[in-house]
Amino acid sequence: MAKRGGFPGGMPGNMNNIMKQAQRMQRQMEENQKELETKEFAAAAGGGAVEVTVTGKKEVVKVKLSEEVVDPDDIEMLEDLIMAATNEAIRKAEEANAEVMNKMAGGLGLGGGFPF
């Protein structure tokens, strides 16, 4: 009579250890994500005339403008500089997030794909 509920040839390793490791990694990912969300990422445009700061949650928390960039006759340039600085700050936040996720995935030993 065949065994029920098992894997043919047996399960490599101990399933309890695998589950514990997965739970530990999930906690680490949650902790890393919370830490990342509190970090701030700043980027400048126009040689530092405009600086934008965002959180890891990609929320803008600060916009700093130097006086010389505020020209009522050239609002479009100011808008472009704010947009460029904001996009760069968000890119930095996303890059940091990807780095954290890559470190965590590396801990799984997945490499380019699943080992099974």
PDB file of N, CA and C in Angstrom:
ATOM      1  N   MET A   1       0.840  -1.177   0.000  1.00  0.00           N
ATOM      2  CA  MET A   1       0.000   0.000   0.000  1.00  0.00           C
ATOM      3  C   MET A   1       0.887   1.242   0.000  1.00  0.00           C
ATOM      4  N   ALA A   2       0.559   2.185  -0.840  1.00  0.00           N
ATOM      5  CA  ALA A   2       1.374   3.395  -0.994  1.00  0.00           C
ATOM      6  C   ALA A   2       1.137   4.344   0.170  1.00  0.00           C
ATOM      7  N   LYS A   3       2.188   5.062   0.521  1.00  0.00           N
ATOM      8  CA  LYS A   3       2.063   6.091   1.555  1.00  0.00           C
ATOM      9  C   LYS A   3       1.246   7.244   1.019  1.00  0.00           C
ATOM     10  N   ARG A   4       0.467   7.872   1.864  1.00  0.00           N
ATOM     11  CA  ARG A   4      -0.339   9.012   1.446  1.00  0.00           C
ATOM     12  C   ARG A   4       0.328  10.302   1.927  1.00  0.00           C
ATOM     13  N   GLY A   5       0.229  11.341   1.097  1.00  0.00           N
ATOM     14  CA  GLY A   5       0.660  12.676   1.512  1.00  0.00           C
ATOM     15  C   GLY A   5       2.151  12.922   1.459  1.00  0.00           C
ATOM     16  N   GLY A   6       2.933  12.018   0.947  1.00  0.00           N
ATOM     17  CA  GLY A   6       4.370  12.231   0.888  1.00  0.00           C
ATOM     18  C   GLY A   6       4.819  12.624  -0.503  1.00  0.00           C
ATOM     19  N   PHE A   7       6.093  12.831  -0.653  1.00  0.00           N
ATOM     20  CA  PHE A   7       6.675  13.110  -1.949  1.00  0.00           C
ATOM     21  C   PHE A   7       7.370  11.847  -2.429  1.00  0.00           C
ATOM     22  N   PRO A   8       7.242  11.510  -3.695  1.00  0.00           N
ATOM     23  CA  PRO A   8       7.951  10.331  -4.201  1.00  0.00           C
ATOM     24  C   PRO A   8       9.446  10.497  -3.976  1.00  0.00           C
ATOM     25  N   GLY A   9      10.049   9.494  -3.402  1.00  0.00           N
ATOM     26  CA  GLY A   9      11.488   9.558  -3.163  1.00  0.00           C
ATOM     27  C   GLY A   9      11.846  10.299  -1.892  1.00  0.00           C
ATOM     28  N   GLY A  10      10.862  10.835  -1.181  1.00  0.00           N
ATOM     29  CA  GLY A  10      11.126  11.545   0.073  1.00  0.00           C
ATOM     30  C   GLY A  10      11.391  13.021  -0.146  1.00  0.00           C
ATOM     31  N   MET A  11      11.243  13.803   0.887  1.00  0.00           N
ATOM     32  CA  MET A  11      11.446  15.253   0.844  1.00  0.00           C
ATOM     33  C   MET A  11      12.873  15.562   1.259  1.00  0.00           C
ATOM     34  N   PRO A  12      13.645  16.256   0.421  1.00  0.00           N
ATOM     35  CA  PRO A  12      15.015  16.593   0.831  1.00  0.00           C
ATOM     36  C   PRO A  12      14.988  17.593   1.984  1.00  0.00           C
ATOM     37  N   GLY A  13      15.774  17.329   3.017  1.00  0.00           N
ATOM     38  CA  GLY A  13      15.821  18.236   4.158  1.00  0.00           C
ATOM     39  C   GLY A  13      14.639  18.026   5.082  1.00  0.00           C
ATOM     40  N   ASN A  14      14.582  18.825   6.096  1.00  0.00           N
ATOM     41  CA  ASN A  14      13.533  18.730   7.100  1.00  0.00           C
ATOM     42  C   ASN A  14      12.503  19.822   6.845  1.00  0.00           C
ATOM     43  N   MET A  15      11.251  19.435   6.652  1.00  0.00           N
ATOM     44  CA  MET A  15      10.194  20.397   6.324  1.00  0.00           C
ATOM     45  C   MET A  15      10.018  21.438   7.428  1.00  0.00           C
ATOM     46  N   ASN A  16      10.148  21.029   8.685  1.00  0.00           N
ATOM     47  CA  ASN A  16      10.014  21.995   9.796  1.00  0.00           C
ATOM     48  C   ASN A  16      11.092  23.065   9.718  1.00  0.00           C
ATOM     49  N   ASN A  17      12.315  22.660   9.403  1.00  0.00           N
ATOM     50  CA  ASN A  17      13.411  23.629   9.278  1.00  0.00           C
ATOM     51  C   ASN A  17      13.174  24.577   8.112  1.00  0.00           C
ATOM     52  N   ILE A  18      12.644  24.050   7.030  1.00  0.00           N
ATOM     53  CA  ILE A  18      12.355  24.884   5.863  1.00  0.00           C
ATOM     54  C   ILE A  18      11.292  25.916   6.213  1.00  0.00           C
ATOM     55  N   MET A  19      10.257  25.490   6.926  1.00  0.00           N
ATOM     56  CA  MET A  19       9.187  26.412   7.321  1.00  0.00           C
ATOM     57  C   MET A  19       9.703  27.479   8.285  1.00  0.00           C
ATOM     58  N   LYS A  20      10.528  27.066   9.245  1.00  0.00           N
ATOM     59  CA  LYS A  20      11.103  28.030  10.190  1.00  0.00           C
ATOM     60  C   LYS A  20      11.975  29.052   9.467  1.00  0.00           C
ATOM     61  N   GLN A  21      12.766  28.571   8.506  1.00  0.00           N
ATOM     62  CA  GLN A  21      13.621  29.472   7.745  1.00  0.00           C
ATOM     63  C   GLN A  21      12.781  30.453   6.930  1.00  0.00           C
ATOM     64  N   ALA A  22      11.707  29.961   6.331  1.00  0.00           N
ATOM     65  CA  ALA A  22      10.822  30.836   5.545  1.00  0.00           C
ATOM     66  C   ALA A  22      10.176  31.893   6.440  1.00  0.00           C
ATOM     67  N   GLN A  23       9.742  31.499   7.633  1.00  0.00           N
ATOM     68  CA  GLN A  23       9.135  32.462   8.555  1.00  0.00           C
ATOM     69  C   GLN A  23      10.158  33.492   9.016  1.00  0.00           C
ATOM     70  N   ARG A  24      11.376  33.048   9.287  1.00  0.00           N
ATOM     71  CA  ARG A  24      12.440  33.967   9.713  1.00  0.00           C
ATOM     72  C   ARG A  24      12.750  34.966   8.591  1.00  0.00           C
ATOM     73  N   MET A  25      12.813  34.478   7.360  1.00  0.00           N
ATOM     74  CA  MET A  25      13.100  35.365   6.234  1.00  0.00           C
ATOM     75  C   MET A  25      11.952  36.348   6.014  1.00  0.00           C
ATOM     76  N   GLN A  26      10.724  35.901   6.214  1.00  0.00           N
ATOM     77  CA  GLN A  26       9.583  36.803   6.070  1.00  0.00           C
ATOM     78  C   GLN A  26       9.659  37.921   7.105  1.00  0.00           C
ATOM     79  N   ARG A  27      10.002  37.581   8.351  1.00  0.00           N
ATOM     80  CA  ARG A  27      10.159  38.613   9.389  1.00  0.00           C
ATOM     81  C   ARG A  27      11.267  39.591   9.018  1.00  0.00           C
ATOM     82  N   GLN A  28      12.382  39.059   8.508  1.00  0.00           N
ATOM     83  CA  GLN A  28      13.493  39.920   8.106  1.00  0.00           C
ATOM     84  C   GLN A  28      13.079  40.853   6.974  1.00  0.00           C
ATOM     85  N   MET A  29      12.322  40.332   6.021  1.00  0.00           N
ATOM     86  CA  MET A  29      11.860  41.164   4.904  1.00  0.00           C
ATOM     87  C   MET A  29      10.948  42.274   5.410  1.00  0.00           C
ATOM     88  N   GLU A  30      10.055  41.949   6.335  1.00  0.00           N
ATOM     89  CA  GLU A  30       9.152  42.958   6.892  1.00  0.00           C
ATOM     90  C   GLU A  30       9.934  44.024   7.645  1.00  0.00           C
ATOM     91  N   GLU A  31      10.930  43.598   8.430  1.00  0.00           N
ATOM     92  CA  GLU A  31      11.763  44.549   9.173  1.00  0.00           C
ATOM     93  C   GLU A  31      12.546  45.446   8.214  1.00  0.00           C
ATOM     94  N   ASN A  32      13.127  44.846   7.184  1.00  0.00           N
ATOM     95  CA  ASN A  32      13.889  45.621   6.200  1.00  0.00           C
ATOM     96  C   ASN A  32      12.989  46.613   5.475  1.00  0.00           C
ATOM     97  N   GLN A  33      11.767  46.185   5.145  1.00  0.00           N
ATOM     98  CA  GLN A  33      10.830  47.062   4.443  1.00  0.00           C
ATOM     99  C   GLN A  33      10.453  48.241   5.332  1.00  0.00           C
ATOM    100  N   LYS A  34      10.177  47.993   6.621  1.00  0.00           N
ATOM    101  CA  LYS A  34       9.831  49.074   7.545  1.00  0.00           C
ATOM    102  C   LYS A  34      10.990  50.052   7.689  1.00  0.00           C
ATOM    103  N   GLU A  35      12.199  49.509   7.797  1.00  0.00           N
ATOM    104  CA  GLU A  35      13.382  50.364   7.911  1.00  0.00           C
ATOM    105  C   GLU A  35      13.555  51.214   6.651  1.00  0.00           C
ATOM    106  N   LEU A  36      13.368  50.602   5.507  1.00  0.00           N
ATOM    107  CA  LEU A  36      13.502  51.314   4.236  1.00  0.00           C
ATOM    108  C   LEU A  36      12.471  52.438   4.126  1.00  0.00           C
ATOM    109  N   GLU A  37      11.254  52.190   4.598  1.00  0.00           N
ATOM    110  CA  GLU A  37      10.195  53.193   4.503  1.00  0.00           C
ATOM    111  C   GLU A  37      10.510  54.433   5.322  1.00  0.00           C
ATOM    112  N   THR A  38      11.333  54.311   6.359  1.00  0.00           N
ATOM    113  CA  THR A  38      11.669  55.464   7.190  1.00  0.00           C
ATOM    114  C   THR A  38      12.877  56.231   6.659  1.00  0.00           C
ATOM    115  N   LYS A  39      13.620  55.630   5.746  1.00  0.00           N
ATOM    116  CA  LYS A  39      14.787  56.312   5.179  1.00  0.00           C
ATOM    117  C   LYS A  39      14.337  57.408   4.220  1.00  0.00           C
ATOM    118  N   GLU A  40      15.212  58.393   4.055  1.00  0.00           N
ATOM    119  CA  GLU A  40      14.937  59.482   3.125  1.00  0.00           C
ATOM    120  C   GLU A  40      15.988  59.481   2.019  1.00  0.00           C
ATOM    121  N   PHE A  41      15.531  59.832   0.820  1.00  0.00           N
ATOM    122  CA  PHE A  41      16.393  59.861  -0.353  1.00  0.00           C
ATOM    123  C   PHE A  41      16.258  61.233  -0.993  1.00  0.00           C
ATOM    124  N   ALA A  42      17.386  61.921  -1.143  1.00  0.00           N
ATOM    125  CA  ALA A  42      17.373  63.269  -1.706  1.00  0.00           C
ATOM    126  C   ALA A  42      18.065  63.270  -3.058  1.00  0.00           C
ATOM    127  N   ALA A  43      17.572  64.127  -3.934  1.00  0.00           N
ATOM    128  CA  ALA A  43      18.204  64.296  -5.242  1.00  0.00           C
ATOM    129  C   ALA A  43      18.081  65.764  -5.623  1.00  0.00           C
ATOM    130  N   ALA A  44      19.064  66.234  -6.369  1.00  0.00           N
ATOM    131  CA  ALA A  44      19.086  67.632  -6.789  1.00  0.00           C
ATOM    132  C   ALA A  44      19.080  67.719  -8.307  1.00  0.00           C
ATOM    133  N   ALA A  45      18.650  68.877  -8.786  1.00  0.00           N
ATOM    134  CA  ALA A  45      18.665  69.178 -10.221  1.00  0.00           C
ATOM    135  C   ALA A  45      19.092  70.632 -10.387  1.00  0.00           C
ATOM    136  N   GLY A  46      19.524  70.957 -11.601  1.00  0.00           N
ATOM    137  CA  GLY A  46      19.937  72.333 -11.868  1.00  0.00           C
ATOM    138  C   GLY A  46      21.157  72.740 -11.065  1.00  0.00           C
ATOM    139  N   GLY A  47      22.095  71.809 -10.917  1.00  0.00           N
ATOM    140  CA  GLY A  47      23.312  72.121 -10.172  1.00  0.00           C
ATOM    141  C   GLY A  47      23.051  72.376  -8.699  1.00  0.00           C
ATOM    142  N   GLY A  48      21.998  71.784  -8.157  1.00  0.00           N
ATOM    143  CA  GLY A  48      21.673  71.946  -6.744  1.00  0.00           C
ATOM    144  C   GLY A  48      20.657  73.047  -6.482  1.00  0.00           C
ATOM    145  N   ALA A  49      20.156  73.672  -7.537  1.00  0.00           N
ATOM    146  CA  ALA A  49      19.174  74.757  -7.365  1.00  0.00           C
ATOM    147  C   ALA A  49      17.847  74.232  -6.838  1.00  0.00           C
ATOM    148  N   VAL A  50      17.541  72.977  -7.136  1.00  0.00           N
ATOM    149  CA  VAL A  50      16.316  72.332  -6.660  1.00  0.00           C
ATOM    150  C   VAL A  50      16.714  71.018  -6.012  1.00  0.00           C
ATOM    151  N   GLU A  51      16.212  70.793  -4.806  1.00  0.00           N
ATOM    152  CA  GLU A  51      16.463  69.531  -4.128  1.00  0.00           C
ATOM    153  C   GLU A  51      15.141  68.986  -3.609  1.00  0.00           C
ATOM    154  N   VAL A  52      14.907  67.695  -3.878  1.00  0.00           N
ATOM    155  CA  VAL A  52      13.678  67.039  -3.438  1.00  0.00           C
ATOM    156  C   VAL A  52      14.067  65.836  -2.597  1.00  0.00           C
ATOM    157  N   THR A  53      13.351  65.643  -1.484  1.00  0.00           N
ATOM    158  CA  THR A  53      13.576  64.506  -0.602  1.00  0.00           C
ATOM    159  C   THR A  53      12.309  63.677  -0.532  1.00  0.00           C
ATOM    160  N   VAL A  54      12.455  62.355  -0.713  1.00  0.00           N
ATOM    161  CA  VAL A  54      11.324  61.436  -0.600  1.00  0.00           C
ATOM    162  C   VAL A  54      11.674  60.359   0.420  1.00  0.00           C
ATOM    163  N   THR A  55      10.632  59.715   0.951  1.00  0.00           N
ATOM    164  CA  THR A  55      10.848  58.591   1.857  1.00  0.00           C
ATOM    165  C   THR A  55      10.903  57.309   1.048  1.00  0.00           C
ATOM    166  N   GLY A  56      11.234  56.224   1.721  1.00  0.00           N
ATOM    167  CA  GLY A  56      11.212  54.917   1.078  1.00  0.00           C
ATOM    168  C   GLY A  56       9.825  54.512   0.630  1.00  0.00           C
ATOM    169  N   LYS A  57       8.811  55.208   1.152  1.00  0.00           N
ATOM    170  CA  LYS A  57       7.430  54.961   0.721  1.00  0.00           C
ATOM    171  C   LYS A  57       7.098  55.803  -0.504  1.00  0.00           C
ATOM    172  N   LYS A  58       8.106  56.518  -1.004  1.00  0.00           N
ATOM    173  CA  LYS A  58       7.997  57.369  -2.196  1.00  0.00           C
ATOM    174  C   LYS A  58       7.048  58.542  -1.977  1.00  0.00           C
ATOM    175  N   GLU A  59       7.077  59.077  -0.768  1.00  0.00           N
ATOM    176  CA  GLU A  59       6.303  60.276  -0.454  1.00  0.00           C
ATOM    177  C   GLU A  59       7.260  61.458  -0.379  1.00  0.00           C
ATOM    178  N   VAL A  60       6.919  62.552  -1.048  1.00  0.00           N
ATOM    179  CA  VAL A  60       7.748  63.746  -1.021  1.00  0.00           C
ATOM    180  C   VAL A  60       7.605  64.381   0.360  1.00  0.00           C
ATOM    181  N   VAL A  61       8.746  64.596   1.037  1.00  0.00           N
ATOM    182  CA  VAL A  61       8.707  65.194   2.373  1.00  0.00           C
ATOM    183  C   VAL A  61       9.381  66.563   2.418  1.00  0.00           C
ATOM    184  N   LYS A  62      10.126  66.905   1.339  1.00  0.00           N
ATOM    185  CA  LYS A  62      10.815  68.189   1.355  1.00  0.00           C
ATOM    186  C   LYS A  62      11.143  68.623  -0.063  1.00  0.00           C
ATOM    187  N   VAL A  63      10.931  69.898  -0.335  1.00  0.00           N
ATOM    188  CA  VAL A  63      11.353  70.515  -1.591  1.00  0.00           C
ATOM    189  C   VAL A  63      12.107  71.774  -1.211  1.00  0.00           C
ATOM    190  N   LYS A  64      13.350  71.883  -1.669  1.00  0.00           N
ATOM    191  CA  LYS A  64      14.182  73.047  -1.357  1.00  0.00           C
ATOM    192  C   LYS A  64      14.547  73.737  -2.667  1.00  0.00           C
ATOM    193  N   LEU A  65      14.261  75.028  -2.744  1.00  0.00           N
ATOM    194  CA  LEU A  65      14.560  75.824  -3.932  1.00  0.00           C
ATOM    195  C   LEU A  65      15.537  76.932  -3.566  1.00  0.00           C
ATOM    196  N   SER A  66      16.557  77.121  -4.399  1.00  0.00           N
ATOM    197  CA  SER A  66      17.424  78.273  -4.174  1.00  0.00           C
ATOM    198  C   SER A  66      16.758  79.494  -4.810  1.00  0.00           C
ATOM    199  N   GLU A  67      17.038  80.658  -4.273  1.00  0.00           N
ATOM    200  CA  GLU A  67      16.373  81.885  -4.724  1.00  0.00           C
ATOM    201  C   GLU A  67      16.577  82.153  -6.212  1.00  0.00           C
ATOM    202  N   GLU A  68      17.765  81.874  -6.732  1.00  0.00           N
ATOM    203  CA  GLU A  68      18.045  82.213  -8.127  1.00  0.00           C
ATOM    204  C   GLU A  68      17.243  81.382  -9.125  1.00  0.00           C
ATOM    205  N   VAL A  69      16.673  80.247  -8.688  1.00  0.00           N
ATOM    206  CA  VAL A  69      15.900  79.426  -9.611  1.00  0.00           C
ATOM    207  C   VAL A  69      14.436  79.881  -9.699  1.00  0.00           C
ATOM    208  N   VAL A  70      14.033  80.728  -8.778  1.00  0.00           N
ATOM    209  CA  VAL A  70      12.646  81.217  -8.769  1.00  0.00           C
ATOM    210  C   VAL A  70      12.558  82.458  -9.657  1.00  0.00           C
ATOM    211  N   ASP A  71      12.208  82.226 -10.915  1.00  0.00           N
ATOM    212  CA  ASP A  71      12.080  83.302 -11.897  1.00  0.00           C
ATOM    213  C   ASP A  71      10.651  83.293 -12.419  1.00  0.00           C
ATOM    214  N   PRO A  72       9.861  84.327 -12.075  1.00  0.00           N
ATOM    215  CA  PRO A  72       8.459  84.358 -12.509  1.00  0.00           C
ATOM    216  C   PRO A  72       8.301  84.323 -14.027  1.00  0.00           C
ATOM    217  N   ASP A  73       9.348  84.684 -14.753  1.00  0.00           N
ATOM    218  CA  ASP A  73       9.270  84.670 -16.212  1.00  0.00           C
ATOM    219  C   ASP A  73       9.645  83.306 -16.801  1.00  0.00           C
ATOM    220  N   ASP A  74      10.088  82.383 -15.956  1.00  0.00           N
ATOM    221  CA  ASP A  74      10.476  81.062 -16.457  1.00  0.00           C
ATOM    222  C   ASP A  74      10.010  79.966 -15.496  1.00  0.00           C
ATOM    223  N   ILE A  75       8.728  79.910 -15.280  1.00  0.00           N
ATOM    224  CA  ILE A  75       8.130  78.900 -14.406  1.00  0.00           C
ATOM    225  C   ILE A  75       8.374  77.494 -14.957  1.00  0.00           C
ATOM    226  N   GLU A  76       8.367  77.364 -16.273  1.00  0.00           N
ATOM    227  CA  GLU A  76       8.533  76.047 -16.903  1.00  0.00           C
ATOM    228  C   GLU A  76       9.862  75.404 -16.521  1.00  0.00           C
ATOM    229  N   MET A  77      10.941  76.188 -16.454  1.00  0.00           N
ATOM    230  CA  MET A  77      12.229  75.636 -16.061  1.00  0.00           C
ATOM    231  C   MET A  77      12.170  75.121 -14.629  1.00  0.00           C
ATOM    232  N   LEU A  78      11.558  75.872 -13.741  1.00  0.00           N
ATOM    233  CA  LEU A  78      11.438  75.455 -12.341  1.00  0.00           C
ATOM    234  C   LEU A  78      10.638  74.158 -12.247  1.00  0.00           C
ATOM    235  N   GLU A  79       9.545  74.074 -12.990  1.00  0.00           N
ATOM    236  CA  GLU A  79       8.726  72.855 -12.994  1.00  0.00           C
ATOM    237  C   GLU A  79       9.549  71.660 -13.468  1.00  0.00           C
ATOM    238  N   ASP A  80      10.345  71.849 -14.512  1.00  0.00           N
ATOM    239  CA  ASP A  80      11.178  70.770 -15.041  1.00  0.00           C
ATOM    240  C   ASP A  80      12.229  70.323 -14.021  1.00  0.00           C
ATOM    241  N   LEU A  81      12.828  71.284 -13.325  1.00  0.00           N
ATOM    242  CA  LEU A  81      13.838  70.947 -12.325  1.00  0.00           C
ATOM    243  C   LEU A  81      13.222  70.182 -11.158  1.00  0.00           C
ATOM    244  N   ILE A  82      12.046  70.592 -10.720  1.00  0.00           N
ATOM    245  CA  ILE A  82      11.365  69.893  -9.623  1.00  0.00           C
ATOM    246  C   ILE A  82      11.026  68.465 -10.054  1.00  0.00           C
ATOM    247  N   MET A  83      10.531  68.332 -11.264  1.00  0.00           N
ATOM    248  CA  MET A  83      10.180  67.005 -11.775  1.00  0.00           C
ATOM    249  C   MET A  83      11.430  66.121 -11.863  1.00  0.00           C
ATOM    250  N   ALA A  84      12.517  66.654 -12.381  1.00  0.00           N
ATOM    251  CA  ALA A  84      13.742  65.873 -12.528  1.00  0.00           C
ATOM    252  C   ALA A  84      14.282  65.431 -11.167  1.00  0.00           C
ATOM    253  N   ALA A  85      14.305  66.338 -10.220  1.00  0.00           N
ATOM    254  CA  ALA A  85      14.805  65.998  -8.887  1.00  0.00           C
ATOM    255  C   ALA A  85      13.903  64.978  -8.203  1.00  0.00           C
ATOM    256  N   THR A  86      12.596  65.129  -8.359  1.00  0.00           N
ATOM    257  CA  THR A  86      11.650  64.187  -7.750  1.00  0.00           C
ATOM    258  C   THR A  86      11.822  62.790  -8.351  1.00  0.00           C
ATOM    259  N   ASN A  87      11.907  62.713  -9.666  1.00  0.00           N
ATOM    260  CA  ASN A  87      12.077  61.417 -10.316  1.00  0.00           C
ATOM    261  C   ASN A  87      13.381  60.740  -9.904  1.00  0.00           C
ATOM    262  N   GLU A  88      14.440  61.511  -9.756  1.00  0.00           N
ATOM    263  CA  GLU A  88      15.727  60.950  -9.349  1.00  0.00           C
ATOM    264  C   GLU A  88      15.663  60.451  -7.901  1.00  0.00           C
ATOM    265  N   ALA A  89      15.015  61.200  -7.017  1.00  0.00           N
ATOM    266  CA  ALA A  89      14.879  60.776  -5.622  1.00  0.00           C
ATOM    267  C   ALA A  89      14.066  59.481  -5.535  1.00  0.00           C
ATOM    268  N   ILE A  90      13.007  59.385  -6.319  1.00  0.00           N
ATOM    269  CA  ILE A  90      12.188  58.166  -6.337  1.00  0.00           C
ATOM    270  C   ILE A  90      13.005  56.999  -6.889  1.00  0.00           C
ATOM    271  N   ARG A  91      13.809  57.254  -7.918  1.00  0.00           N
ATOM    272  CA  ARG A  91      14.661  56.201  -8.472  1.00  0.00           C
ATOM    273  C   ARG A  91      15.623  55.675  -7.417  1.00  0.00           C
ATOM    274  N   LYS A  92      16.184  56.583  -6.609  1.00  0.00           N
ATOM    275  CA  LYS A  92      17.088  56.166  -5.536  1.00  0.00           C
ATOM    276  C   LYS A  92      16.358  55.291  -4.521  1.00  0.00           C
ATOM    277  N   ALA A  93      15.135  55.664  -4.165  1.00  0.00           N
ATOM    278  CA  ALA A  93      14.350  54.874  -3.214  1.00  0.00           C
ATOM    279  C   ALA A  93      14.056  53.490  -3.781  1.00  0.00           C
ATOM    280  N   GLU A  94      13.706  53.431  -5.048  1.00  0.00           N
ATOM    281  CA  GLU A  94      13.411  52.143  -5.690  1.00  0.00           C
ATOM    282  C   GLU A  94      14.666  51.277  -5.779  1.00  0.00           C
ATOM    283  N   GLU A  95      15.787  51.909  -6.057  1.00  0.00           N
ATOM    284  CA  GLU A  95      17.054  51.186  -6.141  1.00  0.00           C
ATOM    285  C   GLU A  95      17.409  50.578  -4.783  1.00  0.00           C
ATOM    286  N   ALA A  96      17.211  51.334  -3.709  1.00  0.00           N
ATOM    287  CA  ALA A  96      17.481  50.822  -2.363  1.00  0.00           C
ATOM    288  C   ALA A  96      16.549  49.662  -2.041  1.00  0.00           C
ATOM    289  N   ASN A  97      15.289  49.769  -2.441  1.00  0.00           N
ATOM    290  CA  ASN A  97      14.324  48.699  -2.220  1.00  0.00           C
ATOM    291  C   ASN A  97      14.738  47.442  -2.980  1.00  0.00           C
ATOM    292  N   ALA A  98      15.145  47.599  -4.229  1.00  0.00           N
ATOM    293  CA  ALA A  98      15.568  46.458  -5.035  1.00  0.00           C
ATOM    294  C   ALA A  98      16.798  45.790  -4.429  1.00  0.00           C
ATOM    295  N   GLU A  99      17.697  46.596  -3.881  1.00  0.00           N
ATOM    296  CA  GLU A  99      18.898  46.061  -3.261  1.00  0.00           C
ATOM    297  C   GLU A  99      18.550  45.197  -2.052  1.00  0.00           C
ATOM    298  N   VAL A 100      17.612  45.682  -1.229  1.00  0.00           N
ATOM    299  CA  VAL A 100      17.174  44.910  -0.063  1.00  0.00           C
ATOM    300  C   VAL A 100      16.537  43.600  -0.513  1.00  0.00           C
ATOM    301  N   MET A 101      15.681  43.667  -1.514  1.00  0.00           N
ATOM    302  CA  MET A 101      14.998  42.461  -1.998  1.00  0.00           C
ATOM    303  C   MET A 101      15.992  41.466  -2.603  1.00  0.00           C
ATOM    304  N   ASN A 102      16.995  41.965  -3.321  1.00  0.00           N
ATOM    305  CA  ASN A 102      18.006  41.080  -3.911  1.00  0.00           C
ATOM    306  C   ASN A 102      18.817  40.381  -2.829  1.00  0.00           C
ATOM    307  N   LYS A 103      19.136  41.100  -1.748  1.00  0.00           N
ATOM    308  CA  LYS A 103      19.866  40.480  -0.644  1.00  0.00           C
ATOM    309  C   LYS A 103      19.031  39.371  -0.024  1.00  0.00           C
ATOM    310  N   MET A 104      17.738  39.634   0.157  1.00  0.00           N
ATOM    311  CA  MET A 104      16.861  38.634   0.751  1.00  0.00           C
ATOM    312  C   MET A 104      16.708  37.432  -0.186  1.00  0.00           C
ATOM    313  N   ALA A 105      16.553  37.666  -1.464  1.00  0.00           N
ATOM    314  CA  ALA A 105      16.399  36.574  -2.424  1.00  0.00           C
ATOM    315  C   ALA A 105      17.685  35.756  -2.492  1.00  0.00           C
ATOM    316  N   GLY A 106      18.817  36.421  -2.356  1.00  0.00           N
ATOM    317  CA  GLY A 106      20.089  35.709  -2.349  1.00  0.00           C
ATOM    318  C   GLY A 106      20.184  34.754  -1.176  1.00  0.00           C
ATOM    319  N   GLY A 107      19.561  35.111  -0.063  1.00  0.00           N
ATOM    320  CA  GLY A 107      19.535  34.243   1.108  1.00  0.00           C
ATOM    321  C   GLY A 107      18.704  33.001   0.896  1.00  0.00           C
ATOM    322  N   LEU A 108      17.815  33.034  -0.074  1.00  0.00           N
ATOM    323  CA  LEU A 108      16.995  31.862  -0.376  1.00  0.00           C
ATOM    324  C   LEU A 108      17.761  30.844  -1.205  1.00  0.00           C
ATOM    325  N   GLY A 109      18.859  31.287  -1.819  1.00  0.00           N
ATOM    326  CA  GLY A 109      19.617  30.392  -2.680  1.00  0.00           C
ATOM    327  C   GLY A 109      18.902  30.097  -3.986  1.00  0.00           C
ATOM    328  N   LEU A 110      18.068  31.037  -4.441  1.00  0.00           N
ATOM    329  CA  LEU A 110      17.309  30.801  -5.653  1.00  0.00           C
ATOM    330  C   LEU A 110      18.127  31.052  -6.903  1.00  0.00           C
ATOM    331  N   GLY A 111      19.068  31.972  -6.823  1.00  0.00           N
ATOM    332  CA  GLY A 111      19.871  32.294  -7.992  1.00  0.00           C
ATOM    333  C   GLY A 111      18.993  32.674  -9.165  1.00  0.00           C
ATOM    334  N   GLY A 112      19.149  31.990 -10.275  1.00  0.00           N
ATOM    335  CA  GLY A 112      18.388  32.293 -11.477  1.00  0.00           C
ATOM    336  C   GLY A 112      17.049  31.593 -11.539  1.00  0.00           C
ATOM    337  N   GLY A 113      16.770  30.720 -10.602  1.00  0.00           N
ATOM    338  CA  GLY A 113      15.509  29.999 -10.650  1.00  0.00           C
ATOM    339  C   GLY A 113      15.375  29.093  -9.443  1.00  0.00           C
ATOM    340  N   PHE A 114      14.283  28.398  -9.381  1.00  0.00           N
ATOM    341  CA  PHE A 114      14.049  27.502  -8.255  1.00  0.00           C
ATOM    342  C   PHE A 114      14.889  26.239  -8.404  1.00  0.00           C
ATOM    343  N   PRO A 115      15.413  25.727  -7.298  1.00  0.00           N
ATOM    344  CA  PRO A 115      16.301  24.560  -7.379  1.00  0.00           C
ATOM    345  C   PRO A 115      15.562  23.242  -7.538  1.00  0.00           C
ATOM    346  N   PHE A 116      14.259  23.261  -7.710  1.00  0.00           N
ATOM    347  CA  PHE A 116      13.516  22.005  -7.868  1.00  0.00           C
ATOM    348  C   PHE A 116      12.704  21.982  -9.107  1.00  0.00           C
TER     349      PHE A 116
END
